[in-house]
Amino acid sequence: GDLEIDFVCERGGEKLYVQVTYLLHDKKTIEREFGNMLKINDNYPKIVVSMDEFSGNTYEGIEYMHLRKFLTTW
């Protein structure tokens, strides 16, 4: 399929999936960025990072946050 994840980080056997986009400004972008994450059937954290001025929210269980928060948290 067309499953694309921007970054898959691994440390100590734990994974973190990261999608990066400039802005989540329309439905097509939201579906693209979150859609691939929703297809991953495991329980590791999944985060969409953008320059939107909101953080700490989730979309169907996938966290999304501002780039600044991501860089200072992870």
Protein backbone atom coordinates (compact mmCIF):
# COMPACT_ATOMS: atom_id res chain seq x y z
CA GLY A 1 0.00 0.00 0.00
CA ASP A 2 0.85 3.68 0.24
CA LEU A 3 1.63 3.67 3.96
CA GLU A 4 4.19 6.39 4.66
CA ILE A 5 5.39 7.42 8.10
CA ASP A 6 7.91 10.29 8.24
CA PHE A 7 9.92 9.01 11.22
CA VAL A 8 9.98 5.79 13.22
CA CYS A 9 12.17 6.23 16.30
CA GLU A 10 13.28 3.32 18.44
CA ARG A 11 15.04 3.27 21.80
CA GLY A 12 15.30 0.33 24.15
CA GLY A 13 12.82 -1.69 22.13
CA GLU A 14 10.17 1.07 22.31
CA LYS A 15 8.95 2.80 19.15
CA LEU A 16 7.61 6.28 18.46
CA TYR A 17 5.90 7.11 15.15
CA VAL A 18 6.09 10.74 13.99
CA GLN A 19 4.32 12.47 11.11
CA VAL A 20 5.37 16.04 10.29
CA THR A 21 3.34 18.63 8.42
CA TYR A 22 3.49 22.42 8.19
CA LEU A 23 -0.17 23.04 9.10
CA LEU A 24 -3.26 20.88 9.60
CA HIS A 25 -5.36 23.39 7.70
CA ASP A 26 -7.82 21.27 5.74
CA LYS A 27 -9.59 17.92 5.78
CA LYS A 28 -7.34 16.41 3.09
CA THR A 29 -4.19 17.18 5.11
CA ILE A 30 -5.73 15.83 8.31
CA GLU A 31 -6.81 12.61 6.58
CA ARG A 32 -3.35 12.16 5.02
CA GLU A 33 -1.34 12.81 8.19
CA PHE A 34 -3.54 10.87 10.61
CA GLY A 35 -4.76 8.22 8.17
CA ASN A 36 -1.47 6.38 7.87
CA MET A 37 -1.01 6.42 11.64
CA LEU A 38 -4.47 4.91 12.12
CA LYS A 39 -3.42 1.95 9.95
CA ILE A 40 -0.63 0.97 12.37
CA ASN A 41 -1.93 -1.79 14.62
CA ASP A 42 0.30 -1.56 17.67
CA ASN A 43 0.23 0.34 20.94
CA TYR A 44 3.32 2.51 20.52
CA PRO A 45 2.89 6.31 20.69
CA LYS A 46 1.95 8.11 17.49
CA ILE A 47 2.37 11.89 17.16
CA VAL A 48 1.60 14.38 14.39
CA VAL A 49 3.84 17.46 14.65
CA SER A 50 2.95 20.79 13.02
CA MET A 51 3.31 24.55 13.39
CA ASP A 52 -0.35 24.90 14.43
CA GLU A 53 -0.67 26.77 17.73
CA PHE A 54 -2.33 23.97 19.66
CA SER A 55 -0.89 21.02 21.48
CA GLY A 56 -1.79 18.15 23.72
CA ASN A 57 -4.89 17.19 21.81
CA THR A 58 -5.69 13.87 20.19
CA TYR A 59 -7.39 12.73 17.02
CA GLU A 60 -8.74 9.20 17.31
CA GLY A 61 -6.07 8.44 19.92
CA ILE A 62 -3.17 10.01 18.02
CA GLU A 63 -1.57 12.98 19.75
CA TYR A 64 -0.80 16.15 17.84
CA MET A 65 1.40 18.97 19.01
CA HIS A 66 3.32 22.07 18.01
CA LEU A 67 6.90 21.52 16.85
CA ARG A 68 8.31 23.53 19.77
CA LYS A 69 6.56 21.33 22.32
CA PHE A 70 7.66 18.17 20.53
CA LEU A 71 11.31 19.26 20.51
CA THR A 72 11.27 20.14 24.22
CA THR A 73 9.29 17.06 25.28
CA TRP A 74 10.84 14.23 23.30
